[in-house]
């Protein structure tokens, strides 16, 4: 966990950070699939962002997934709203409400979610599952994903802040060029 945390926090490109997070969930933590949904505060939505391990219809369905943040009947939204991880050992006996269409279309049997938050800023939710026959996620998996999620949130926030700083620098350079042009 320390090694993968150091790896993802050393990168500042947002897309590369996301890929390293998803790879870490699968390769280091041992899940079969990983999904990242990001918060869009302005639109009041939780939207699919990226995934690893999904193929075919599951990938197509996930790539179009979005939920209003006002909902109280979907595990991923509850994860973000309550800032709490959720463990669903079996979708046939869930501890919270689930989106039955997503469960069916993605083919989920057992999954865990963890919120991604940095400095009070809601970033999104990381979802991991085991798709193998009979395999289930456990409390241990939940603790692993929670620890990893904290590092992932910091890495995503750093990438966002770095991107904003680059945009600001670019804008300042454009203003300086415009000022020189006006002076001439």
N, C-alpha and C. Protein backbone atom coordinates (compact mmCIF):
# COMPACT_ATOMS: atom_id res chain seq x y z
N UNK A 1 0.82 -1.19 0.00
CA UNK A 1 0.00 0.00 0.00
C UNK A 1 0.87 1.25 0.00
N UNK A 2 1.95 1.23 0.77
CA UNK A 2 2.85 2.39 0.80
C UNK A 2 3.49 2.62 -0.56
N UNK A 3 3.90 1.52 -1.20
CA UNK A 3 4.55 1.66 -2.50
C UNK A 3 3.60 2.21 -3.55
N UNK A 4 2.39 1.67 -3.61
CA UNK A 4 1.44 2.15 -4.62
C UNK A 4 1.01 3.57 -4.29
N UNK A 5 0.91 3.91 -3.00
CA UNK A 5 0.58 5.28 -2.60
C UNK A 5 1.64 6.26 -3.07
N UNK A 6 2.90 5.88 -2.87
CA UNK A 6 4.01 6.73 -3.33
C UNK A 6 3.98 6.87 -4.85
N UNK A 7 3.64 5.79 -5.53
CA UNK A 7 3.59 5.81 -6.99
C UNK A 7 2.52 6.76 -7.51
N UNK A 8 1.32 6.69 -6.94
CA UNK A 8 0.25 7.54 -7.46
C UNK A 8 0.38 8.99 -7.04
N UNK A 9 0.98 9.26 -5.89
CA UNK A 9 1.11 10.65 -5.46
C UNK A 9 2.32 11.34 -6.11
N UNK A 10 3.14 10.58 -6.83
CA UNK A 10 4.30 11.18 -7.50
C UNK A 10 3.95 11.68 -8.90
N UNK A 11 2.75 11.43 -9.35
CA UNK A 11 2.31 11.81 -10.69
C UNK A 11 1.36 13.00 -10.60
N UNK A 12 1.46 13.93 -11.54
CA UNK A 12 0.59 15.11 -11.50
C UNK A 12 -0.38 15.19 -12.67
N UNK A 13 -0.21 14.33 -13.67
CA UNK A 13 -1.14 14.30 -14.80
C UNK A 13 -2.40 13.53 -14.37
N UNK A 14 -3.56 14.17 -14.46
CA UNK A 14 -4.81 13.59 -13.96
C UNK A 14 -5.11 12.22 -14.56
N UNK A 15 -5.00 12.09 -15.86
CA UNK A 15 -5.31 10.82 -16.52
C UNK A 15 -4.34 9.71 -16.08
N UNK A 16 -3.09 10.07 -15.93
CA UNK A 16 -2.10 9.09 -15.48
C UNK A 16 -2.36 8.68 -14.03
N UNK A 17 -2.76 9.64 -13.20
CA UNK A 17 -3.11 9.33 -11.81
C UNK A 17 -4.28 8.35 -11.77
N UNK A 18 -5.31 8.62 -12.55
CA UNK A 18 -6.49 7.75 -12.60
C UNK A 18 -6.09 6.34 -13.02
N UNK A 19 -5.26 6.23 -14.05
CA UNK A 19 -4.84 4.91 -14.52
C UNK A 19 -4.04 4.17 -13.46
N UNK A 20 -3.16 4.88 -12.76
CA UNK A 20 -2.37 4.25 -11.70
C UNK A 20 -3.26 3.80 -10.54
N UNK A 21 -4.29 4.58 -10.24
CA UNK A 21 -5.22 4.19 -9.18
C UNK A 21 -5.93 2.90 -9.55
N UNK A 22 -6.48 2.85 -10.74
CA UNK A 22 -7.22 1.66 -11.18
C UNK A 22 -6.30 0.44 -11.27
N UNK A 23 -5.10 0.65 -11.80
CA UNK A 23 -4.13 -0.45 -11.86
C UNK A 23 -3.78 -0.94 -10.46
N UNK A 24 -3.62 -0.02 -9.53
CA UNK A 24 -3.29 -0.38 -8.15
C UNK A 24 -4.38 -1.21 -7.49
N UNK A 25 -5.63 -0.87 -7.76
CA UNK A 25 -6.75 -1.62 -7.18
C UNK A 25 -6.73 -3.06 -7.68
N UNK A 26 -6.42 -3.24 -8.94
CA UNK A 26 -6.43 -4.59 -9.52
C UNK A 26 -5.13 -5.34 -9.24
N UNK A 27 -4.01 -4.72 -9.57
CA UNK A 27 -2.73 -5.43 -9.48
C UNK A 27 -2.22 -5.56 -8.05
N UNK A 28 -2.35 -4.52 -7.26
CA UNK A 28 -1.78 -4.54 -5.91
C UNK A 28 -2.78 -5.06 -4.88
N UNK A 29 -4.02 -4.59 -4.96
CA UNK A 29 -5.01 -5.00 -3.96
C UNK A 29 -5.71 -6.31 -4.32
N UNK A 30 -5.61 -6.74 -5.57
CA UNK A 30 -6.12 -8.05 -5.95
C UNK A 30 -7.59 -8.13 -6.32
N UNK A 31 -8.21 -7.02 -6.63
CA UNK A 31 -9.59 -7.06 -7.10
C UNK A 31 -9.60 -7.39 -8.58
N UNK A 32 -10.76 -7.84 -9.08
CA UNK A 32 -10.89 -8.16 -10.50
C UNK A 32 -11.21 -6.93 -11.34
N UNK A 33 -12.01 -6.04 -10.76
CA UNK A 33 -12.44 -4.85 -11.51
C UNK A 33 -12.44 -3.64 -10.58
N UNK A 34 -12.25 -2.47 -11.19
CA UNK A 34 -12.26 -1.22 -10.44
C UNK A 34 -12.98 -0.16 -11.26
N UNK A 35 -13.78 0.65 -10.57
CA UNK A 35 -14.53 1.71 -11.23
C UNK A 35 -14.38 3.00 -10.43
N UNK A 36 -14.21 4.09 -11.13
CA UNK A 36 -14.07 5.40 -10.50
C UNK A 36 -15.20 6.30 -11.00
N UNK A 37 -15.95 6.84 -10.06
CA UNK A 37 -17.00 7.81 -10.38
C UNK A 37 -16.59 9.12 -9.71
N UNK A 38 -16.73 10.22 -10.45
CA UNK A 38 -16.30 11.53 -9.95
C UNK A 38 -17.51 12.43 -9.70
N UNK A 39 -17.38 13.27 -8.69
CA UNK A 39 -18.42 14.23 -8.33
C UNK A 39 -18.31 15.45 -9.24
N UNK A 40 -19.44 15.88 -9.77
CA UNK A 40 -19.56 17.14 -10.50
C UNK A 40 -20.48 18.00 -9.64
N UNK A 41 -19.89 18.82 -8.78
CA UNK A 41 -20.67 19.62 -7.82
C UNK A 41 -21.60 20.60 -8.53
N UNK A 42 -21.12 21.22 -9.61
CA UNK A 42 -21.94 22.20 -10.32
C UNK A 42 -23.22 21.58 -10.88
N UNK A 43 -23.10 20.38 -11.44
CA UNK A 43 -24.26 19.71 -12.01
C UNK A 43 -25.02 18.89 -10.97
N UNK A 44 -24.41 18.70 -9.79
CA UNK A 44 -25.05 17.89 -8.75
C UNK A 44 -25.11 16.42 -9.12
N UNK A 45 -24.05 15.94 -9.79
CA UNK A 45 -24.03 14.57 -10.29
C UNK A 45 -22.79 13.80 -9.87
N UNK A 46 -22.95 12.50 -9.83
CA UNK A 46 -21.84 11.57 -9.67
C UNK A 46 -21.77 10.82 -10.99
N UNK A 47 -20.65 10.97 -11.71
CA UNK A 47 -20.53 10.42 -13.07
C UNK A 47 -19.40 9.41 -13.17
N UNK A 48 -19.60 8.42 -14.04
CA UNK A 48 -18.53 7.48 -14.32
C UNK A 48 -17.36 8.24 -14.91
N UNK A 49 -16.16 7.84 -14.51
CA UNK A 49 -14.97 8.50 -14.99
C UNK A 49 -14.04 7.53 -15.71
N UNK A 50 -13.72 6.41 -15.06
CA UNK A 50 -12.80 5.45 -15.65
C UNK A 50 -12.99 4.10 -14.97
N UNK A 51 -12.55 3.06 -15.66
CA UNK A 51 -12.67 1.72 -15.10
C UNK A 51 -11.52 0.85 -15.58
N UNK A 52 -11.34 -0.26 -14.89
CA UNK A 52 -10.37 -1.27 -15.30
C UNK A 52 -11.01 -2.63 -15.07
N UNK A 53 -10.83 -3.53 -16.01
CA UNK A 53 -11.37 -4.87 -15.87
C UNK A 53 -12.76 -5.06 -16.44
N UNK A 54 -13.43 -3.98 -16.82
CA UNK A 54 -14.76 -4.09 -17.43
C UNK A 54 -14.60 -4.28 -18.94
N UNK A 55 -15.48 -5.09 -19.51
CA UNK A 55 -15.46 -5.30 -20.96
C UNK A 55 -16.89 -5.36 -21.48
N UNK A 56 -17.02 -5.24 -22.78
CA UNK A 56 -18.31 -5.43 -23.45
C UNK A 56 -19.41 -4.53 -22.93
N UNK A 57 -20.59 -5.15 -22.70
CA UNK A 57 -21.76 -4.40 -22.26
C UNK A 57 -21.53 -3.72 -20.92
N UNK A 58 -20.80 -4.38 -20.03
CA UNK A 58 -20.52 -3.79 -18.71
C UNK A 58 -19.78 -2.47 -18.86
N UNK A 59 -18.78 -2.43 -19.73
CA UNK A 59 -18.01 -1.21 -19.95
C UNK A 59 -18.87 -0.13 -20.59
N UNK A 60 -19.66 -0.51 -21.58
CA UNK A 60 -20.54 0.45 -22.25
C UNK A 60 -21.53 1.05 -21.26
N UNK A 61 -22.13 0.20 -20.45
CA UNK A 61 -23.11 0.68 -19.47
C UNK A 61 -22.44 1.60 -18.45
N UNK A 62 -21.31 1.18 -17.92
CA UNK A 62 -20.62 1.99 -16.92
C UNK A 62 -20.22 3.35 -17.47
N UNK A 63 -19.74 3.39 -18.70
CA UNK A 63 -19.26 4.66 -19.27
C UNK A 63 -20.34 5.72 -19.39
N UNK A 64 -21.62 5.31 -19.33
CA UNK A 64 -22.73 6.25 -19.43
C UNK A 64 -23.41 6.50 -18.08
N UNK A 65 -22.88 5.90 -17.04
CA UNK A 65 -23.53 5.95 -15.73
C UNK A 65 -23.38 7.31 -15.06
N UNK A 66 -24.50 7.80 -14.53
CA UNK A 66 -24.47 9.01 -13.71
C UNK A 66 -25.68 8.99 -12.77
N UNK A 67 -25.47 9.58 -11.60
CA UNK A 67 -26.51 9.64 -10.58
C UNK A 67 -26.58 11.04 -10.01
N UNK A 68 -27.80 11.48 -9.71
CA UNK A 68 -27.95 12.77 -9.02
C UNK A 68 -27.49 12.59 -7.59
N UNK A 69 -26.76 13.59 -7.09
CA UNK A 69 -26.23 13.52 -5.73
C UNK A 69 -27.32 13.62 -4.67
N UNK A 70 -28.52 13.98 -5.07
CA UNK A 70 -29.62 14.09 -4.12
C UNK A 70 -30.25 12.73 -3.80
N UNK A 71 -29.88 11.69 -4.55
CA UNK A 71 -30.48 10.37 -4.34
C UNK A 71 -30.01 9.74 -3.03
N UNK A 72 -30.90 8.95 -2.44
CA UNK A 72 -30.57 8.21 -1.22
C UNK A 72 -30.73 6.71 -1.42
N UNK A 73 -30.88 6.29 -2.66
CA UNK A 73 -31.19 4.88 -2.92
C UNK A 73 -30.13 4.16 -3.75
N UNK A 74 -28.91 4.69 -3.76
CA UNK A 74 -27.84 4.08 -4.52
C UNK A 74 -26.57 4.07 -3.68
N UNK A 75 -25.94 2.91 -3.57
CA UNK A 75 -24.76 2.75 -2.71
C UNK A 75 -23.64 3.75 -3.03
N UNK A 76 -23.36 3.98 -4.32
CA UNK A 76 -22.24 4.87 -4.64
C UNK A 76 -22.53 6.31 -4.23
N UNK A 77 -23.77 6.74 -4.34
CA UNK A 77 -24.12 8.10 -3.91
C UNK A 77 -24.07 8.19 -2.39
N UNK A 78 -24.57 7.17 -1.71
CA UNK A 78 -24.51 7.16 -0.24
C UNK A 78 -23.07 7.20 0.24
N UNK A 79 -22.18 6.53 -0.46
CA UNK A 79 -20.76 6.54 -0.09
C UNK A 79 -20.23 7.97 -0.09
N UNK A 80 -20.57 8.73 -1.13
CA UNK A 80 -20.10 10.11 -1.25
C UNK A 80 -20.79 11.00 -0.22
N UNK A 81 -22.11 10.89 -0.11
CA UNK A 81 -22.87 11.77 0.78
C UNK A 81 -22.51 11.57 2.24
N UNK A 82 -22.35 10.30 2.64
CA UNK A 82 -22.10 10.00 4.04
C UNK A 82 -20.61 9.86 4.36
N UNK A 83 -19.78 9.96 3.32
CA UNK A 83 -18.33 9.83 3.48
C UNK A 83 -17.97 8.54 4.21
N UNK A 84 -18.64 7.47 3.83
CA UNK A 84 -18.44 6.16 4.47
C UNK A 84 -18.32 5.07 3.41
N UNK A 85 -17.43 4.12 3.64
CA UNK A 85 -17.34 2.99 2.71
C UNK A 85 -18.55 2.08 2.88
N UNK A 86 -18.83 1.31 1.85
CA UNK A 86 -19.93 0.36 1.90
C UNK A 86 -19.42 -0.99 1.40
N UNK A 87 -19.71 -2.03 2.16
CA UNK A 87 -19.35 -3.39 1.79
C UNK A 87 -20.63 -4.15 1.48
N UNK A 88 -20.70 -4.69 0.28
CA UNK A 88 -21.83 -5.53 -0.12
C UNK A 88 -21.25 -6.90 -0.46
N UNK A 89 -21.34 -7.81 0.50
CA UNK A 89 -20.78 -9.14 0.30
C UNK A 89 -21.58 -9.95 -0.71
N UNK A 90 -22.88 -9.67 -0.81
CA UNK A 90 -23.73 -10.38 -1.76
C UNK A 90 -24.85 -9.43 -2.18
N UNK A 91 -24.97 -9.16 -3.47
CA UNK A 91 -25.98 -8.22 -3.95
C UNK A 91 -27.40 -8.72 -3.72
N UNK A 92 -27.56 -10.00 -3.45
CA UNK A 92 -28.89 -10.54 -3.16
C UNK A 92 -29.33 -10.23 -1.72
N UNK A 93 -28.39 -9.80 -0.88
CA UNK A 93 -28.68 -9.46 0.51
C UNK A 93 -27.89 -8.21 0.90
N UNK A 94 -28.17 -7.07 0.25
CA UNK A 94 -27.36 -5.86 0.47
C UNK A 94 -27.74 -5.13 1.76
N UNK A 95 -26.77 -4.46 2.37
CA UNK A 95 -27.05 -3.67 3.57
C UNK A 95 -27.63 -2.29 3.25
N UNK A 96 -27.57 -1.89 1.98
CA UNK A 96 -28.09 -0.60 1.51
C UNK A 96 -28.80 -0.81 0.18
N UNK A 97 -29.47 0.24 -0.28
CA UNK A 97 -30.14 0.17 -1.58
C UNK A 97 -29.11 0.13 -2.70
N UNK A 98 -29.43 -0.63 -3.73
CA UNK A 98 -28.56 -0.74 -4.89
C UNK A 98 -29.33 -0.36 -6.15
N UNK A 99 -28.60 -0.08 -7.21
CA UNK A 99 -29.21 0.16 -8.51
C UNK A 99 -29.28 -1.20 -9.22
N UNK A 100 -30.46 -1.82 -9.25
CA UNK A 100 -30.55 -3.17 -9.81
C UNK A 100 -30.13 -3.26 -11.27
N UNK A 101 -30.37 -2.21 -12.03
CA UNK A 101 -29.98 -2.20 -13.45
C UNK A 101 -28.46 -2.24 -13.58
N UNK A 102 -27.77 -1.43 -12.78
CA UNK A 102 -26.31 -1.42 -12.81
C UNK A 102 -25.74 -2.77 -12.37
N UNK A 103 -26.32 -3.33 -11.32
CA UNK A 103 -25.87 -4.63 -10.82
C UNK A 103 -25.99 -5.69 -11.92
N UNK A 104 -27.11 -5.69 -12.61
CA UNK A 104 -27.36 -6.67 -13.66
C UNK A 104 -26.46 -6.44 -14.88
N UNK A 105 -26.42 -5.20 -15.35
CA UNK A 105 -25.70 -4.89 -16.60
C UNK A 105 -24.19 -5.00 -16.44
N UNK A 106 -23.68 -4.66 -15.27
CA UNK A 106 -22.23 -4.75 -15.04
C UNK A 106 -21.85 -6.15 -14.56
N UNK A 107 -22.82 -6.86 -14.02
CA UNK A 107 -22.56 -8.22 -13.56
C UNK A 107 -21.87 -8.28 -12.22
N UNK A 108 -22.33 -7.45 -11.30
CA UNK A 108 -21.71 -7.37 -9.98
C UNK A 108 -22.38 -8.37 -9.04
N UNK A 109 -21.55 -9.07 -8.25
CA UNK A 109 -22.05 -10.00 -7.23
C UNK A 109 -21.67 -9.54 -5.83
N UNK A 110 -20.48 -8.99 -5.70
CA UNK A 110 -19.94 -8.61 -4.40
C UNK A 110 -18.99 -7.44 -4.62
N UNK A 111 -19.18 -6.35 -3.88
CA UNK A 111 -18.34 -5.17 -4.13
C UNK A 111 -18.14 -4.35 -2.87
N UNK A 112 -17.19 -3.45 -2.96
CA UNK A 112 -16.92 -2.52 -1.88
C UNK A 112 -16.72 -1.14 -2.50
N UNK A 113 -17.16 -0.11 -1.77
CA UNK A 113 -16.98 1.27 -2.21
C UNK A 113 -16.19 2.02 -1.15
N UNK A 114 -15.50 3.04 -1.56
CA UNK A 114 -14.86 3.93 -0.60
C UNK A 114 -14.93 5.36 -1.15
N UNK A 115 -15.21 6.32 -0.25
CA UNK A 115 -15.28 7.71 -0.71
C UNK A 115 -13.89 8.27 -0.98
N UNK A 116 -13.83 9.19 -1.92
CA UNK A 116 -12.59 9.91 -2.21
C UNK A 116 -12.84 11.37 -1.83
N UNK A 117 -12.12 11.83 -0.83
CA UNK A 117 -12.30 13.16 -0.29
C UNK A 117 -10.94 13.71 0.11
N UNK A 118 -10.71 14.97 -0.17
CA UNK A 118 -9.45 15.62 0.23
C UNK A 118 -9.75 17.03 0.70
N UNK A 119 -9.35 17.31 1.92
CA UNK A 119 -9.55 18.65 2.46
C UNK A 119 -11.00 19.09 2.47
N UNK A 120 -11.91 18.18 2.76
CA UNK A 120 -13.32 18.52 2.78
C UNK A 120 -13.96 18.58 1.40
N UNK A 121 -13.16 18.39 0.38
CA UNK A 121 -13.64 18.45 -1.02
C UNK A 121 -14.06 17.06 -1.47
N UNK A 122 -15.32 16.88 -1.88
CA UNK A 122 -15.80 15.60 -2.38
C UNK A 122 -15.28 15.38 -3.79
N UNK A 123 -14.52 14.32 -3.97
CA UNK A 123 -13.93 14.03 -5.27
C UNK A 123 -14.73 12.96 -6.01
N UNK A 124 -15.06 11.89 -5.31
CA UNK A 124 -15.78 10.81 -5.97
C UNK A 124 -15.83 9.56 -5.13
N UNK A 125 -15.97 8.44 -5.81
CA UNK A 125 -16.05 7.15 -5.14
C UNK A 125 -15.30 6.11 -5.97
N UNK A 126 -14.60 5.25 -5.27
CA UNK A 126 -13.88 4.15 -5.89
C UNK A 126 -14.64 2.87 -5.55
N UNK A 127 -14.93 2.07 -6.58
CA UNK A 127 -15.68 0.83 -6.41
C UNK A 127 -14.79 -0.31 -6.91
N UNK A 128 -14.74 -1.39 -6.13
CA UNK A 128 -13.96 -2.56 -6.54
C UNK A 128 -14.78 -3.81 -6.30
N UNK A 129 -14.60 -4.79 -7.18
CA UNK A 129 -15.35 -6.03 -7.01
C UNK A 129 -14.53 -7.22 -7.45
N UNK A 130 -15.08 -8.37 -7.13
CA UNK A 130 -14.53 -9.64 -7.59
C UNK A 130 -15.62 -10.27 -8.44
N UNK A 131 -15.31 -10.53 -9.68
CA UNK A 131 -16.33 -11.05 -10.60
C UNK A 131 -16.28 -12.56 -10.75
N UNK A 132 -15.28 -13.21 -10.15
CA UNK A 132 -15.16 -14.66 -10.26
C UNK A 132 -16.30 -15.38 -9.55
N UNK A 133 -16.62 -16.56 -10.05
CA UNK A 133 -17.71 -17.35 -9.47
C UNK A 133 -17.39 -17.68 -8.01
N UNK A 134 -18.31 -17.31 -7.13
CA UNK A 134 -18.17 -17.64 -5.72
C UNK A 134 -17.25 -16.72 -4.93
N UNK A 135 -16.51 -15.85 -5.59
CA UNK A 135 -15.61 -14.95 -4.87
C UNK A 135 -16.39 -13.77 -4.30
N UNK A 136 -16.05 -13.39 -3.08
CA UNK A 136 -16.72 -12.29 -2.41
C UNK A 136 -15.69 -11.34 -1.81
N UNK A 137 -16.06 -10.08 -1.69
CA UNK A 137 -15.21 -9.13 -0.99
C UNK A 137 -15.47 -9.29 0.51
N UNK A 138 -14.49 -8.86 1.31
CA UNK A 138 -14.56 -9.05 2.76
C UNK A 138 -14.28 -7.74 3.48
N UNK A 139 -14.42 -7.76 4.79
CA UNK A 139 -14.08 -6.58 5.62
C UNK A 139 -12.62 -6.20 5.42
N UNK A 140 -11.76 -7.19 5.28
CA UNK A 140 -10.34 -6.92 5.03
C UNK A 140 -10.17 -6.15 3.73
N UNK A 141 -10.88 -6.56 2.68
CA UNK A 141 -10.85 -5.84 1.40
C UNK A 141 -11.32 -4.40 1.58
N UNK A 142 -12.35 -4.23 2.40
CA UNK A 142 -12.88 -2.89 2.65
C UNK A 142 -11.82 -2.01 3.31
N UNK A 143 -11.13 -2.55 4.30
CA UNK A 143 -10.08 -1.76 4.98
C UNK A 143 -8.95 -1.42 4.01
N UNK A 144 -8.56 -2.37 3.18
CA UNK A 144 -7.51 -2.12 2.19
C UNK A 144 -7.91 -1.00 1.23
N UNK A 145 -9.13 -1.10 0.70
CA UNK A 145 -9.59 -0.10 -0.25
C UNK A 145 -9.73 1.27 0.41
N UNK A 146 -10.16 1.30 1.67
CA UNK A 146 -10.27 2.58 2.38
C UNK A 146 -8.90 3.25 2.51
N UNK A 147 -7.89 2.49 2.92
CA UNK A 147 -6.54 3.04 3.05
C UNK A 147 -6.01 3.53 1.72
N UNK A 148 -6.25 2.76 0.69
CA UNK A 148 -5.81 3.13 -0.65
C UNK A 148 -6.59 4.35 -1.15
N UNK A 149 -7.89 4.39 -0.83
CA UNK A 149 -8.74 5.50 -1.26
C UNK A 149 -8.27 6.84 -0.72
N UNK A 150 -7.78 6.85 0.51
CA UNK A 150 -7.25 8.10 1.08
C UNK A 150 -6.07 8.61 0.26
N UNK A 151 -5.18 7.70 -0.12
CA UNK A 151 -4.03 8.09 -0.93
C UNK A 151 -4.47 8.50 -2.34
N UNK A 152 -5.44 7.78 -2.88
CA UNK A 152 -5.94 8.10 -4.22
C UNK A 152 -6.57 9.49 -4.25
N UNK A 153 -7.32 9.83 -3.21
CA UNK A 153 -7.95 11.15 -3.14
C UNK A 153 -6.92 12.26 -3.12
N UNK A 154 -5.86 12.07 -2.36
CA UNK A 154 -4.79 13.07 -2.30
C UNK A 154 -4.14 13.22 -3.67
N UNK A 155 -3.89 12.10 -4.33
CA UNK A 155 -3.27 12.15 -5.66
C UNK A 155 -4.16 12.86 -6.66
N UNK A 156 -5.47 12.57 -6.63
CA UNK A 156 -6.41 13.24 -7.54
C UNK A 156 -6.50 14.73 -7.26
N UNK A 157 -6.52 15.09 -5.98
CA UNK A 157 -6.58 16.51 -5.61
C UNK A 157 -5.31 17.23 -6.04
N UNK A 158 -4.15 16.60 -5.85
CA UNK A 158 -2.90 17.21 -6.29
C UNK A 158 -2.90 17.42 -7.80
N UNK A 159 -3.38 16.44 -8.54
CA UNK A 159 -3.44 16.56 -10.00
C UNK A 159 -4.39 17.68 -10.41
N UNK A 160 -5.52 17.80 -9.71
CA UNK A 160 -6.47 18.88 -10.01
C UNK A 160 -5.84 20.25 -9.75
N UNK A 161 -5.19 20.39 -8.60
CA UNK A 161 -4.56 21.67 -8.26
C UNK A 161 -3.43 22.00 -9.21
N UNK A 162 -2.66 21.00 -9.60
CA UNK A 162 -1.59 21.21 -10.57
C UNK A 162 -2.15 21.67 -11.91
N UNK A 163 -3.24 21.03 -12.35
CA UNK A 163 -3.89 21.43 -13.60
C UNK A 163 -4.38 22.87 -13.55
N UNK A 164 -4.97 23.24 -12.41
CA UNK A 164 -5.43 24.63 -12.25
C UNK A 164 -4.26 25.60 -12.28
N UNK A 165 -3.16 25.23 -11.66
CA UNK A 165 -1.98 26.10 -11.66
C UNK A 165 -1.43 26.27 -13.08
N UNK A 166 -1.43 25.19 -13.85
CA UNK A 166 -0.97 25.29 -15.25
C UNK A 166 -1.88 26.19 -16.07
N UNK A 167 -3.20 26.06 -15.86
CA UNK A 167 -4.16 26.92 -16.58
C UNK A 167 -3.95 28.38 -16.21
N UNK A 168 -3.73 28.64 -14.93
CA UNK A 168 -3.51 30.01 -14.47
C UNK A 168 -2.23 30.58 -15.08
N UNK A 169 -1.18 29.78 -15.10
CA UNK A 169 0.08 30.21 -15.69
C UNK A 169 -0.09 30.51 -17.17
N UNK A 170 -0.81 29.65 -17.87
CA UNK A 170 -1.05 29.84 -19.30
C UNK A 170 -1.83 31.13 -19.55
N UNK A 171 -2.85 31.38 -18.73
CA UNK A 171 -3.64 32.59 -18.86
C UNK A 171 -2.79 33.83 -18.60
N UNK A 172 -1.95 33.78 -17.57
CA UNK A 172 -1.06 34.91 -17.27
C UNK A 172 -0.10 35.19 -18.42
N UNK A 173 0.41 34.13 -19.04
CA UNK A 173 1.32 34.30 -20.18
C UNK A 173 0.58 34.93 -21.36
N UNK A 174 -0.67 34.51 -21.60
CA UNK A 174 -1.45 35.09 -22.69
C UNK A 174 -1.75 36.57 -22.44
N UNK A 175 -2.05 36.90 -21.18
CA UNK A 175 -2.30 38.31 -20.84
C UNK A 175 -1.03 39.13 -21.04
N UNK A 176 0.13 38.59 -20.67
CA UNK A 176 1.39 39.29 -20.85
C UNK A 176 1.69 39.51 -22.33
N UNK A 177 1.42 38.52 -23.16
CA UNK A 177 1.63 38.67 -24.61
C UNK A 177 0.68 39.72 -25.16
N UNK A 178 -0.57 39.70 -24.73
CA UNK A 178 -1.55 40.69 -25.19
C UNK A 178 -1.10 42.09 -24.78
N UNK A 179 -0.57 42.23 -23.57
CA UNK A 179 -0.12 43.55 -23.10
C UNK A 179 1.05 44.04 -23.95
N UNK A 180 1.99 43.14 -24.28
CA UNK A 180 3.13 43.54 -25.13
C UNK A 180 2.65 43.96 -26.52
N UNK A 181 1.66 43.25 -27.04
CA UNK A 181 1.13 43.58 -28.36
C UNK A 181 0.48 44.95 -28.33
N UNK A 182 -0.28 45.22 -27.28
CA UNK A 182 -0.93 46.52 -27.15
C UNK A 182 0.11 47.64 -27.02
N UNK A 183 1.17 47.39 -26.28
CA UNK A 183 2.21 48.41 -26.12
C UNK A 183 2.88 48.75 -27.45
N UNK A 184 3.10 47.74 -28.26
CA UNK A 184 3.74 47.97 -29.57
C UNK A 184 2.77 48.61 -30.53
